[in-house]
Amino acid sequence: MKAKRIMQFISIFALLVWGGVFIYFYMAQTPDGKGGTIPLINKYVNAQKGFDTWVLIAGMGLIVLALFNLITFRQKAGTCTHDHAHGDSCDHDHDHDHDHHHAEDEVHDHDHDQTASGLAFSVLILIVPVLMAANFSQGKYSPQYQKKLMQIEAKMAELNREKNKGQSVVGNGRNNNPNAVSTPGDVPPDENGGSLPAFTLQDLKNMVPQNEAGSFLLDVPQIFYTAGDQELMNVMEGIPVEFEAQITEETYANPDGNRLRAFRLMIECCAADARPLSIPVQFEGSPPAYEDLGWYKLVGDLHYARESDEWTAILKVRKFEETAEVIDMIY
């Protein structure tokens, strides 16, 4: 009985641990790389879709459940423990209208309760991994994981090229992307039958910030999803662009050996579904020395080319310099 009570306390402790970890990740702050801080949970889930709030609710729910179990357990522990087979009284009548006796005449050859060792093992599985993850997690992807993601993305792109070989590439690559630059072409037709104005460079300037030199501040995923949209490509061909991204070798198409690949990880819901979106960056000569998966600021001119039956956005680099790691996720 004593061992069982101890294991019940440990089970309650497991609920407190999980709830506490959830609330900790919601409340804790981490540097944003710009001199400020952001909630730690924003490095793991898409806060723009409210997932951080659900993490807080889940943590509070686990804490409440643990406290409820603790209260009810103490109440059960306080009830009288007596043997119904003797004649003493515990302030209530043992006589019932139905005919039965409390002494067991039959002995079961098995135990319906979970064994203490089994419960202990189950609780350890619940507690140890989450504590280790909370303690050792660096809040970012390891270089090995990022390389693996890039290899998977490259393989998927190769399979898609083989599948679409000889077929025409259809229109708008931004249909399912929330980060793409919106245009009048995204708006439903006028109910009165009027035609919408064409997207212009001035429209782009109104929607996208520019630096002091006039370069458009676009993220890699935004640039990636412009390829294939003829209206956007007509306007954005040759515009100056600045962005920060991680750099790795170019393995898609590099016939002249003068390309690298810039990528950012985009998250839909949480860190588990992150996928790299990338574009080739092209230099006049051989690429400069760089740290694989390092962070760099790139400035150059945006161009589009048809490669392997697909439209591809290419940055012709004019400026390439190392920069601090970007903490903000792209959703």
C-alpha atoms as a PDB file:
ATOM      1  CA  MET A   1       0.000   0.000   0.000  1.00  0.00           C
ATOM      2  CA  LYS A   2       2.819   2.394   0.887  1.00  0.00           C
ATOM      3  CA  ALA A   3       4.581   1.791  -2.451  1.00  0.00           C
ATOM      4  CA  LYS A   4       1.334   2.406  -4.306  1.00  0.00           C
ATOM      5  CA  ARG A   5       0.808   5.722  -2.512  1.00  0.00           C
ATOM      6  CA  ILE A   6       4.352   6.796  -3.349  1.00  0.00           C
ATOM      7  CA  MET A   7       3.816   6.017  -7.019  1.00  0.00           C
ATOM      8  CA  GLN A   8       0.578   8.003  -7.010  1.00  0.00           C
ATOM      9  CA  PHE A   9       2.480  10.991  -5.655  1.00  0.00           C
ATOM     10  CA  ILE A  10       5.091  10.535  -8.379  1.00  0.00           C
ATOM     11  CA  SER A  11       2.339  10.448 -11.012  1.00  0.00           C
ATOM     12  CA  ILE A  12       1.031  13.756  -9.687  1.00  0.00           C
ATOM     13  CA  PHE A  13       4.586  15.080  -9.784  1.00  0.00           C
ATOM     14  CA  ALA A  14       4.817  14.087 -13.462  1.00  0.00           C
ATOM     15  CA  LEU A  15       1.762  16.218 -14.245  1.00  0.00           C
ATOM     16  CA  LEU A  16       3.319  19.141 -12.370  1.00  0.00           C
ATOM     17  CA  VAL A  17       6.568  18.743 -14.313  1.00  0.00           C
ATOM     18  CA  TRP A  18       4.855  18.765 -17.707  1.00  0.00           C
ATOM     19  CA  GLY A  19       2.627  21.679 -16.779  1.00  0.00           C
ATOM     20  CA  GLY A  20       5.571  23.583 -15.332  1.00  0.00           C
ATOM     21  CA  VAL A  21       7.685  23.076 -18.460  1.00  0.00           C
ATOM     22  CA  PHE A  22       4.867  24.340 -20.692  1.00  0.00           C
ATOM     23  CA  ILE A  23       4.358  27.447 -18.562  1.00  0.00           C
ATOM     24  CA  TYR A  24       8.120  28.039 -18.312  1.00  0.00           C
ATOM     25  CA  PHE A  25       8.529  28.053 -22.095  1.00  0.00           C
ATOM     26  CA  TYR A  26       5.632  30.494 -22.369  1.00  0.00           C
ATOM     27  CA  MET A  27       6.906  32.881 -19.680  1.00  0.00           C
ATOM     28  CA  ALA A  28      10.686  32.721 -20.297  1.00  0.00           C
ATOM     29  CA  GLN A  29      12.385  35.254 -22.543  1.00  0.00           C
ATOM     30  CA  THR A  30      15.296  34.740 -24.935  1.00  0.00           C
ATOM     31  CA  PRO A  31      17.477  37.226 -26.871  1.00  0.00           C
ATOM     32  CA  ASP A  32      16.105  38.164 -30.290  1.00  0.00           C
ATOM     33  CA  GLY A  33      19.505  39.008 -31.769  1.00  0.00           C
ATOM     34  CA  LYS A  34      18.558  42.688 -32.030  1.00  0.00           C
ATOM     35  CA  GLY A  35      19.191  43.782 -28.462  1.00  0.00           C
ATOM     36  CA  GLY A  36      15.731  42.810 -27.234  1.00  0.00           C
ATOM     37  CA  THR A  37      13.974  39.657 -26.136  1.00  0.00           C
ATOM     38  CA  ILE A  38      11.177  37.420 -27.361  1.00  0.00           C
ATOM     39  CA  PRO A  39       9.182  34.692 -25.573  1.00  0.00           C
ATOM     40  CA  LEU A  40      11.099  31.424 -25.621  1.00  0.00           C
ATOM     41  CA  ILE A  41       8.060  29.561 -26.961  1.00  0.00           C
ATOM     42  CA  ASN A  42       8.232  31.628 -30.170  1.00  0.00           C
ATOM     43  CA  LYS A  43      11.297  29.619 -31.181  1.00  0.00           C
ATOM     44  CA  TYR A  44       9.269  26.429 -31.160  1.00  0.00           C
ATOM     45  CA  VAL A  45       5.733  27.248 -32.333  1.00  0.00           C
ATOM     46  CA  ASN A  46       4.017  29.677 -34.689  1.00  0.00           C
ATOM     47  CA  ALA A  47       2.896  32.439 -32.333  1.00  0.00           C
ATOM     48  CA  GLN A  48       1.101  34.228 -35.163  1.00  0.00           C
ATOM     49  CA  LYS A  49      -1.466  31.414 -35.188  1.00  0.00           C
ATOM     50  CA  GLY A  50      -1.950  31.423 -31.425  1.00  0.00           C
ATOM     51  CA  PHE A  51      -0.137  28.176 -30.687  1.00  0.00           C
ATOM     52  CA  ASP A  52       1.744  29.851 -27.840  1.00  0.00           C
ATOM     53  CA  THR A  53      -1.564  30.551 -26.099  1.00  0.00           C
ATOM     54  CA  TRP A  54      -2.558  26.906 -26.397  1.00  0.00           C
ATOM     55  CA  VAL A  55       0.758  25.913 -24.814  1.00  0.00           C
ATOM     56  CA  LEU A  56      -0.079  28.130 -21.827  1.00  0.00           C
ATOM     57  CA  ILE A  57      -3.606  26.695 -21.585  1.00  0.00           C
ATOM     58  CA  ALA A  58      -2.249  23.139 -21.734  1.00  0.00           C
ATOM     59  CA  GLY A  59       0.285  23.877 -19.002  1.00  0.00           C
ATOM     60  CA  MET A  60      -2.334  25.396 -16.723  1.00  0.00           C
ATOM     61  CA  GLY A  61      -4.669  22.464 -17.393  1.00  0.00           C
ATOM     62  CA  LEU A  62      -1.990  19.962 -16.374  1.00  0.00           C
ATOM     63  CA  ILE A  63      -1.279  21.906 -13.179  1.00  0.00           C
ATOM     64  CA  VAL A  64      -4.990  22.008 -12.296  1.00  0.00           C
ATOM     65  CA  LEU A  65      -5.311  18.273 -12.980  1.00  0.00           C
ATOM     66  CA  ALA A  66      -2.316  17.548 -10.744  1.00  0.00           C
ATOM     67  CA  LEU A  67      -3.740  19.637  -7.890  1.00  0.00           C
ATOM     68  CA  PHE A  68      -7.145  17.982  -8.279  1.00  0.00           C
ATOM     69  CA  ASN A  69      -5.565  14.523  -8.098  1.00  0.00           C
ATOM     70  CA  LEU A  70      -3.571  15.575  -5.052  1.00  0.00           C
ATOM     71  CA  ILE A  71      -6.660  16.855  -3.214  1.00  0.00           C
ATOM     72  CA  THR A  72      -8.778  13.810  -4.008  1.00  0.00           C
ATOM     73  CA  PHE A  73      -5.900  11.505  -3.093  1.00  0.00           C
ATOM     74  CA  ARG A  74      -5.581  13.128   0.331  1.00  0.00           C
ATOM     75  CA  GLN A  75      -9.327  12.801   0.861  1.00  0.00           C
ATOM     76  CA  LYS A  76      -9.217   9.103   0.009  1.00  0.00           C
ATOM     77  CA  ALA A  77      -6.248   8.634   2.287  1.00  0.00           C
ATOM     78  CA  GLY A  78      -8.238  10.187   5.146  1.00  0.00           C
ATOM     79  CA  THR A  79     -11.162   7.738   4.983  1.00  0.00           C
ATOM     80  CA  CYS A  80     -11.365   5.001   7.554  1.00  0.00           C
ATOM     81  CA  THR A  81      -9.561   1.793   6.783  1.00  0.00           C
ATOM     82  CA  HIS A  82     -11.331  -1.016   8.601  1.00  0.00           C
ATOM     83  CA  ASP A  83     -12.135  -4.654   8.155  1.00  0.00           C
ATOM     84  CA  HIS A  84     -15.742  -5.271   7.269  1.00  0.00           C
ATOM     85  CA  ALA A  85     -15.439  -8.797   8.641  1.00  0.00           C
ATOM     86  CA  HIS A  86     -15.297  -7.739  12.316  1.00  0.00           C
ATOM     87  CA  GLY A  87     -18.107  -6.411  14.400  1.00  0.00           C
ATOM     88  CA  ASP A  88     -16.735  -3.002  15.311  1.00  0.00           C
ATOM     89  CA  SER A  89     -18.431   0.110  14.074  1.00  0.00           C
ATOM     90  CA  CYS A  90     -17.001   3.032  12.166  1.00  0.00           C
ATOM     91  CA  ASP A  91     -19.987   5.352  12.562  1.00  0.00           C
ATOM     92  CA  HIS A  92     -22.050   3.617   9.923  1.00  0.00           C
ATOM     93  CA  ASP A  93     -24.170   0.541   9.555  1.00  0.00           C
ATOM     94  CA  HIS A  94     -22.718  -2.481   7.830  1.00  0.00           C
ATOM     95  CA  ASP A  95     -26.161  -4.045   7.365  1.00  0.00           C
ATOM     96  CA  HIS A  96     -27.485  -3.778   3.841  1.00  0.00           C
ATOM     97  CA  ASP A  97     -30.745  -4.769   2.273  1.00  0.00           C
ATOM     98  CA  HIS A  98     -29.012  -7.014  -0.183  1.00  0.00           C
ATOM     99  CA  ASP A  99     -27.555 -10.352   0.719  1.00  0.00           C
ATOM    100  CA  HIS A 100     -23.779 -10.540   0.527  1.00  0.00           C
ATOM    101  CA  HIS A 101     -20.757 -10.798   2.733  1.00  0.00           C
ATOM    102  CA  HIS A 102     -17.550  -8.777   2.685  1.00  0.00           C
ATOM    103  CA  ALA A 103     -15.149 -11.599   3.235  1.00  0.00           C
ATOM    104  CA  GLU A 104     -13.891 -12.866  -0.081  1.00  0.00           C
ATOM    105  CA  ASP A 105     -14.604 -16.527  -0.622  1.00  0.00           C
ATOM    106  CA  GLU A 106     -12.846 -16.598  -3.968  1.00  0.00           C
ATOM    107  CA  VAL A 107      -9.242 -15.747  -4.576  1.00  0.00           C
ATOM    108  CA  HIS A 108      -8.289 -14.289  -7.960  1.00  0.00           C
ATOM    109  CA  ASP A 109      -5.071 -15.557  -9.448  1.00  0.00           C
ATOM    110  CA  HIS A 110      -4.149 -12.115 -10.857  1.00  0.00           C
ATOM    111  CA  ASP A 111      -3.906  -8.483  -9.773  1.00  0.00           C
ATOM    112  CA  HIS A 112      -6.073  -5.842 -11.448  1.00  0.00           C
ATOM    113  CA  ASP A 113      -3.826  -2.983 -10.280  1.00  0.00           C
ATOM    114  CA  GLN A 114      -0.747  -1.885 -12.175  1.00  0.00           C
ATOM    115  CA  THR A 115       2.453  -3.027 -10.519  1.00  0.00           C
ATOM    116  CA  ALA A 116       4.651  -0.457  -8.806  1.00  0.00           C
ATOM    117  CA  SER A 117       7.559  -1.206 -11.137  1.00  0.00           C
ATOM    118  CA  GLY A 118       5.355  -0.806 -14.211  1.00  0.00           C
ATOM    119  CA  LEU A 119       3.996   2.506 -12.977  1.00  0.00           C
ATOM    120  CA  ALA A 120       7.487   3.711 -12.112  1.00  0.00           C
ATOM    121  CA  PHE A 121       8.717   2.882 -15.601  1.00  0.00           C
ATOM    122  CA  SER A 122       5.764   4.698 -17.180  1.00  0.00           C
ATOM    123  CA  VAL A 123       6.361   7.801 -15.081  1.00  0.00           C
ATOM    124  CA  LEU A 124      10.071   7.814 -15.905  1.00  0.00           C
ATOM    125  CA  ILE A 125       9.223   7.736 -19.613  1.00  0.00           C
ATOM    126  CA  LEU A 126       7.010  10.790 -19.077  1.00  0.00           C
ATOM    127  CA  ILE A 127       9.370  12.806 -16.890  1.00  0.00           C
ATOM    128  CA  VAL A 128      12.940  12.107 -18.004  1.00  0.00           C
ATOM    129  CA  PRO A 129      12.650  13.019 -21.724  1.00  0.00           C
ATOM    130  CA  VAL A 130      10.851  16.316 -21.126  1.00  0.00           C
ATOM    131  CA  LEU A 131      13.330  17.359 -18.424  1.00  0.00           C
ATOM    132  CA  MET A 132      16.291  16.480 -20.626  1.00  0.00           C
ATOM    133  CA  ALA A 133      14.766  18.314 -23.595  1.00  0.00           C
ATOM    134  CA  ALA A 134      14.047  21.410 -21.515  1.00  0.00           C
ATOM    135  CA  ASN A 135      17.554  21.373 -20.025  1.00  0.00           C
ATOM    136  CA  PHE A 136      19.668  20.598 -23.088  1.00  0.00           C
ATOM    137  CA  SER A 137      17.653  22.174 -25.903  1.00  0.00           C
ATOM    138  CA  GLN A 138      19.526  25.070 -27.513  1.00  0.00           C
ATOM    139  CA  GLY A 139      16.403  26.487 -29.099  1.00  0.00           C
ATOM    140  CA  LYS A 140      17.722  25.997 -32.615  1.00  0.00           C
ATOM    141  CA  TYR A 141      18.330  23.311 -35.202  1.00  0.00           C
ATOM    142  CA  SER A 142      21.638  21.486 -35.215  1.00  0.00           C
ATOM    143  CA  PRO A 143      23.846  21.839 -38.318  1.00  0.00           C
ATOM    144  CA  GLN A 144      23.373  18.135 -39.044  1.00  0.00           C
ATOM    145  CA  TYR A 145      19.591  18.520 -38.978  1.00  0.00           C
ATOM    146  CA  GLN A 146      19.685  21.539 -41.278  1.00  0.00           C
ATOM    147  CA  LYS A 147      21.916  19.735 -43.760  1.00  0.00           C
ATOM    148  CA  LYS A 148      19.526  16.800 -43.719  1.00  0.00           C
ATOM    149  CA  LEU A 149      16.595  19.112 -44.405  1.00  0.00           C
ATOM    150  CA  MET A 150      18.423  20.637 -47.360  1.00  0.00           C
ATOM    151  CA  GLN A 151      19.212  17.187 -48.745  1.00  0.00           C
ATOM    152  CA  ILE A 152      15.564  16.183 -48.435  1.00  0.00           C
ATOM    153  CA  GLU A 153      14.439  19.401 -50.124  1.00  0.00           C
ATOM    154  CA  ALA A 154      16.935  18.872 -52.937  1.00  0.00           C
ATOM    155  CA  LYS A 155      15.704  15.319 -53.477  1.00  0.00           C
ATOM    156  CA  MET A 156      12.081  16.453 -53.513  1.00  0.00           C
ATOM    157  CA  ALA A 157      12.885  19.177 -56.030  1.00  0.00           C
ATOM    158  CA  GLU A 158      14.651  16.637 -58.237  1.00  0.00           C
ATOM    159  CA  LEU A 159      11.662  14.289 -58.099  1.00  0.00           C
ATOM    160  CA  ASN A 160       9.298  17.147 -58.947  1.00  0.00           C
ATOM    161  CA  ARG A 161      11.428  18.147 -61.928  1.00  0.00           C
ATOM    162  CA  GLU A 162      11.371  14.581 -63.235  1.00  0.00           C
ATOM    163  CA  LYS A 163       7.622  14.386 -62.689  1.00  0.00           C
ATOM    164  CA  ASN A 164       6.939  17.686 -64.469  1.00  0.00           C
ATOM    165  CA  LYS A 165       9.493  17.216 -67.213  1.00  0.00           C
ATOM    166  CA  GLY A 166       8.041  18.300 -70.526  1.00  0.00           C
ATOM    167  CA  GLN A 167       5.009  19.904 -68.907  1.00  0.00           C
ATOM    168  CA  SER A 168       4.398  23.608 -68.851  1.00  0.00           C
ATOM    169  CA  VAL A 169       4.783  25.308 -65.505  1.00  0.00           C
ATOM    170  CA  VAL A 170       1.512  26.846 -64.488  1.00  0.00           C
ATOM    171  CA  GLY A 171       1.191  30.302 -63.062  1.00  0.00           C
ATOM    172  CA  ASN A 172       1.093  31.335 -59.484  1.00  0.00           C
ATOM    173  CA  GLY A 173       3.528  29.788 -57.043  1.00  0.00           C
ATOM    174  CA  ARG A 174       2.084  31.802 -54.168  1.00  0.00           C
ATOM    175  CA  ASN A 175      -1.335  30.170 -53.925  1.00  0.00           C
ATOM    176  CA  ASN A 176      -0.657  28.340 -50.677  1.00  0.00           C
ATOM    177  CA  ASN A 177       1.985  30.587 -49.194  1.00  0.00           C
ATOM    178  CA  PRO A 178       1.172  33.151 -46.512  1.00  0.00           C
ATOM    179  CA  ASN A 179       4.559  34.897 -46.862  1.00  0.00           C
ATOM    180  CA  ALA A 180       4.325  35.749 -50.539  1.00  0.00           C
ATOM    181  CA  VAL A 181       4.039  39.353 -51.651  1.00  0.00           C
ATOM    182  CA  SER A 182       0.343  39.979 -52.237  1.00  0.00           C
ATOM    183  CA  THR A 183      -0.770  41.678 -55.436  1.00  0.00           C
ATOM    184  CA  PRO A 184      -4.031  42.873 -56.957  1.00  0.00           C
ATOM    185  CA  GLY A 185      -4.079  39.535 -58.744  1.00  0.00           C
ATOM    186  CA  ASP A 186      -4.801  37.906 -55.383  1.00  0.00           C
ATOM    187  CA  VAL A 187      -8.047  39.853 -55.018  1.00  0.00           C
ATOM    188  CA  PRO A 188     -11.305  38.328 -56.325  1.00  0.00           C
ATOM    189  CA  PRO A 189     -12.685  39.921 -59.501  1.00  0.00           C
ATOM    190  CA  ASP A 190     -14.705  43.083 -59.167  1.00  0.00           C
ATOM    191  CA  GLU A 191     -18.376  42.239 -58.670  1.00  0.00           C
ATOM    192  CA  ASN A 192     -19.269  44.995 -61.127  1.00  0.00           C
ATOM    193  CA  GLY A 193     -17.149  43.394 -63.800  1.00  0.00           C
ATOM    194  CA  GLY A 194     -14.454  46.068 -63.773  1.00  0.00           C
ATOM    195  CA  SER A 195     -10.882  45.027 -64.502  1.00  0.00           C
ATOM    196  CA  LEU A 196      -8.275  45.369 -61.770  1.00  0.00           C
ATOM    197  CA  PRO A 197      -5.217  47.530 -62.375  1.00  0.00           C
ATOM    198  CA  ALA A 198      -1.947  45.807 -63.196  1.00  0.00           C
ATOM    199  CA  PHE A 199       0.603  45.349 -60.441  1.00  0.00           C
ATOM    200  CA  THR A 200       3.304  48.012 -60.681  1.00  0.00           C
ATOM    201  CA  LEU A 201       6.659  48.850 -59.153  1.00  0.00           C
ATOM    202  CA  GLN A 202       4.952  51.562 -57.128  1.00  0.00           C
ATOM    203  CA  ASP A 203       2.640  48.937 -55.645  1.00  0.00           C
ATOM    204  CA  LEU A 204       5.705  46.941 -54.614  1.00  0.00           C
ATOM    205  CA  LYS A 205       7.247  50.016 -52.990  1.00  0.00           C
ATOM    206  CA  ASN A 206       4.034  50.620 -51.069  1.00  0.00           C
ATOM    207  CA  MET A 207       4.050  47.095 -49.639  1.00  0.00           C
ATOM    208  CA  VAL A 208       7.736  46.239 -49.159  1.00  0.00           C
ATOM    209  CA  PRO A 209      10.157  48.342 -47.064  1.00  0.00           C
ATOM    210  CA  GLN A 210      13.430  49.541 -48.584  1.00  0.00           C
ATOM    211  CA  ASN A 211      16.772  50.371 -47.025  1.00  0.00           C
ATOM    212  CA  GLU A 212      18.538  53.715 -47.410  1.00  0.00           C
ATOM    213  CA  ALA A 213      20.150  52.563 -50.656  1.00  0.00           C
ATOM    214  CA  GLY A 214      16.770  51.638 -52.125  1.00  0.00           C
ATOM    215  CA  SER A 215      17.113  47.856 -51.912  1.00  0.00           C
ATOM    216  CA  PHE A 216      13.906  45.982 -51.137  1.00  0.00           C
ATOM    217  CA  LEU A 217      13.983  44.108 -47.824  1.00  0.00           C
ATOM    218  CA  LEU A 218      12.566  40.728 -48.790  1.00  0.00           C
ATOM    219  CA  ASP A 219      13.013  37.364 -47.097  1.00  0.00           C
ATOM    220  CA  VAL A 220      14.162  34.325 -49.053  1.00  0.00           C
ATOM    221  CA  PRO A 221      10.720  32.609 -48.858  1.00  0.00           C
ATOM    222  CA  GLN A 222       9.046  35.738 -50.259  1.00  0.00           C
ATOM    223  CA  ILE A 223      11.472  35.793 -53.168  1.00  0.00           C
ATOM    224  CA  PHE A 224      11.152  32.039 -53.658  1.00  0.00           C
ATOM    225  CA  TYR A 225       7.392  32.231 -54.134  1.00  0.00           C
ATOM    226  CA  THR A 226       7.537  35.026 -56.697  1.00  0.00           C
ATOM    227  CA  ALA A 227       9.064  32.648 -59.257  1.00  0.00           C
ATOM    228  CA  GLY A 228       6.352  31.443 -61.614  1.00  0.00           C
ATOM    229  CA  ASP A 229       4.079  34.467 -61.153  1.00  0.00           C
ATOM    230  CA  GLN A 230       4.464  36.265 -64.466  1.00  0.00           C
ATOM    231  CA  GLU A 231       2.999  39.537 -63.217  1.00  0.00           C
ATOM    232  CA  LEU A 232       5.379  39.688 -60.274  1.00  0.00           C
ATOM    233  CA  MET A 233       8.380  38.599 -62.316  1.00  0.00           C
ATOM    234  CA  ASN A 234       7.740  41.358 -64.871  1.00  0.00           C
ATOM    235  CA  VAL A 235       7.827  43.972 -62.103  1.00  0.00           C
ATOM    236  CA  MET A 236      10.574  42.500 -59.911  1.00  0.00           C
ATOM    237  CA  GLU A 237      13.062  41.554 -62.636  1.00  0.00           C
ATOM    238  CA  GLY A 238      16.299  43.413 -61.907  1.00  0.00           C
ATOM    239  CA  ILE A 239      15.217  45.119 -58.678  1.00  0.00           C
ATOM    240  CA  PRO A 240      17.818  45.547 -55.906  1.00  0.00           C
ATOM    241  CA  VAL A 241      17.217  43.229 -52.951  1.00  0.00           C
ATOM    242  CA  GLU A 242      18.704  42.798 -49.492  1.00  0.00           C
ATOM    243  CA  PHE A 243      18.156  39.861 -47.158  1.00  0.00           C
ATOM    244  CA  GLU A 244      19.796  37.793 -44.433  1.00  0.00           C
ATOM    245  CA  ALA A 245      20.011  34.038 -44.802  1.00  0.00           C
ATOM    246  CA  GLN A 246      22.056  30.949 -44.146  1.00  0.00           C
ATOM    247  CA  ILE A 247      24.468  29.879 -46.861  1.00  0.00           C
ATOM    248  CA  THR A 248      25.381  26.427 -48.078  1.00  0.00           C
ATOM    249  CA  GLU A 249      26.775  24.881 -51.247  1.00  0.00           C
ATOM    250  CA  GLU A 250      24.716  24.842 -54.434  1.00  0.00           C
ATOM    251  CA  THR A 251      23.763  21.311 -55.413  1.00  0.00           C
ATOM    252  CA  TYR A 252      20.810  21.984 -57.734  1.00  0.00           C
ATOM    253  CA  ALA A 253      22.353  23.693 -60.747  1.00  0.00           C
ATOM    254  CA  ASN A 254      25.845  25.147 -60.740  1.00  0.00           C
ATOM    255  CA  PRO A 255      27.371  24.674 -64.204  1.00  0.00           C
ATOM    256  CA  ASP A 256      29.912  27.501 -63.854  1.00  0.00           C
ATOM    257  CA  GLY A 257      30.784  26.871 -60.217  1.00  0.00           C
ATOM    258  CA  ASN A 258      29.902  30.436 -59.233  1.00  0.00           C
ATOM    259  CA  ARG A 259      26.806  29.816 -57.127  1.00  0.00           C
ATOM    260  CA  LEU A 260      25.922  29.208 -53.513  1.00  0.00           C
ATOM    261  CA  ARG A 261      22.477  28.643 -52.044  1.00  0.00           C
ATOM    262  CA  ALA A 262      20.758  30.939 -49.555  1.00  0.00           C
ATOM    263  CA  PHE A 263      17.968  29.495 -47.440  1.00  0.00           C
ATOM    264  CA  ARG A 264      15.687  30.149 -44.502  1.00  0.00           C
ATOM    265  CA  LEU A 265      13.617  27.671 -42.537  1.00  0.00           C
ATOM    266  CA  MET A 266       9.882  28.348 -42.693  1.00  0.00           C
ATOM    267  CA  ILE A 267       7.530  27.067 -39.999  1.00  0.00           C
ATOM    268  CA  GLU A 268       3.861  26.371 -40.601  1.00  0.00           C
ATOM    269  CA  CYS A 269       2.775  25.287 -37.100  1.00  0.00           C
ATOM    270  CA  CYS A 270       5.787  24.307 -35.000  1.00  0.00           C
ATOM    271  CA  ALA A 271       9.497  23.568 -35.236  1.00  0.00           C
ATOM    272  CA  ALA A 272       8.806  19.946 -36.152  1.00  0.00           C
ATOM    273  CA  ASP A 273       7.356  20.895 -39.556  1.00  0.00           C
ATOM    274  CA  ALA A 274      10.070  23.377 -40.546  1.00  0.00           C
ATOM    275  CA  ARG A 275      11.218  23.182 -44.149  1.00  0.00           C
ATOM    276  CA  PRO A 276      13.966  25.097 -45.948  1.00  0.00           C
ATOM    277  CA  LEU A 277      13.075  27.462 -48.780  1.00  0.00           C
ATOM    278  CA  SER A 278      16.060  28.515 -50.837  1.00  0.00           C
ATOM    279  CA  ILE A 279      17.246  30.380 -53.901  1.00  0.00           C
ATOM    280  CA  PRO A 280      20.587  30.293 -55.730  1.00  0.00           C
ATOM    281  CA  VAL A 281      22.898  33.281 -55.287  1.00  0.00           C
ATOM    282  CA  GLN A 282      25.334  33.913 -58.115  1.00  0.00           C
ATOM    283  CA  PHE A 283      28.701  35.689 -58.036  1.00  0.00           C
ATOM    284  CA  GLU A 284      30.690  37.217 -60.892  1.00  0.00           C
ATOM    285  CA  GLY A 285      33.553  34.833 -60.236  1.00  0.00           C
ATOM    286  CA  SER A 286      34.170  32.038 -57.791  1.00  0.00           C
ATOM    287  CA  PRO A 287      32.181  32.311 -54.552  1.00  0.00           C
ATOM    288  CA  PRO A 288      34.046  33.874 -51.636  1.00  0.00           C
ATOM    289  CA  ALA A 289      35.098  31.845 -48.624  1.00  0.00           C
ATOM    290  CA  TYR A 290      32.159  31.161 -46.337  1.00  0.00           C
ATOM    291  CA  GLU A 291      31.135  29.119 -43.314  1.00  0.00           C
ATOM    292  CA  ASP A 292      28.709  26.376 -44.223  1.00  0.00           C
ATOM    293  CA  LEU A 293      25.297  27.141 -42.686  1.00  0.00           C
ATOM    294  CA  GLY A 294      26.630  30.480 -41.489  1.00  0.00           C
ATOM    295  CA  TRP A 295      24.521  33.632 -41.531  1.00  0.00           C
ATOM    296  CA  TYR A 296      25.207  36.301 -44.158  1.00  0.00           C
ATOM    297  CA  LYS A 297      23.727  39.544 -45.403  1.00  0.00           C
ATOM    298  CA  LEU A 298      23.401  39.619 -49.175  1.00  0.00           C
ATOM    299  CA  VAL A 299      22.700  42.562 -51.448  1.00  0.00           C
ATOM    300  CA  GLY A 300      22.225  42.168 -55.165  1.00  0.00           C
ATOM    301  CA  ASP A 301      19.892  42.281 -58.133  1.00  0.00           C
ATOM    302  CA  LEU A 302      17.005  39.859 -58.518  1.00  0.00           C
ATOM    303  CA  HIS A 303      16.619  37.975 -61.786  1.00  0.00           C
ATOM    304  CA  TYR A 304      14.507  35.094 -63.031  1.00  0.00           C
ATOM    305  CA  ALA A 305      15.584  32.240 -65.271  1.00  0.00           C
ATOM    306  CA  ARG A 306      14.039  29.089 -66.654  1.00  0.00           C
ATOM    307  CA  GLU A 307      16.040  26.134 -65.335  1.00  0.00           C
ATOM    308  CA  SER A 308      15.046  22.458 -65.529  1.00  0.00           C
ATOM    309  CA  ASP A 309      11.593  23.437 -66.818  1.00  0.00           C
ATOM    310  CA  GLU A 310      10.980  25.650 -63.782  1.00  0.00           C
ATOM    311  CA  TRP A 311      11.145  29.357 -63.121  1.00  0.00           C
ATOM    312  CA  THR A 312      13.863  30.124 -60.587  1.00  0.00           C
ATOM    313  CA  ALA A 313      14.618  33.340 -58.716  1.00  0.00           C
ATOM    314  CA  ILE A 314      18.352  34.112 -58.738  1.00  0.00           C
ATOM    315  CA  LEU A 315      20.172  36.814 -56.812  1.00  0.00           C
ATOM    316  CA  LYS A 316      23.218  38.234 -58.590  1.00  0.00           C
ATOM    317  CA  VAL A 317      25.283  39.238 -55.592  1.00  0.00           C
ATOM    318  CA  ARG A 318      26.939  42.637 -55.248  1.00  0.00           C
ATOM    319  CA  LYS A 319      27.598  42.533 -51.503  1.00  0.00           C
ATOM    320  CA  PHE A 320      28.235  39.499 -49.301  1.00  0.00           C
ATOM    321  CA  GLU A 321      29.104  39.888 -45.631  1.00  0.00           C
ATOM    322  CA  GLU A 322      28.837  37.844 -42.459  1.00  0.00           C
ATOM    323  CA  THR A 323      26.097  38.815 -40.016  1.00  0.00           C
ATOM    324  CA  ALA A 324      24.687  37.748 -36.659  1.00  0.00           C
ATOM    325  CA  GLU A 325      22.348  34.784 -36.477  1.00  0.00           C
ATOM    326  CA  VAL A 326      18.753  35.755 -37.122  1.00  0.00           C
ATOM    327  CA  ILE A 327      16.587  34.543 -34.246  1.00  0.00           C
ATOM    328  CA  ASP A 328      13.182  35.417 -35.678  1.00  0.00           C
ATOM    329  CA  MET A 329      11.419  32.498 -37.329  1.00  0.00           C
ATOM    330  CA  ILE A 330       9.611  32.824 -40.639  1.00  0.00           C
ATOM    331  CA  TYR A 331       6.002  31.690 -40.483  1.00  0.00           C
END
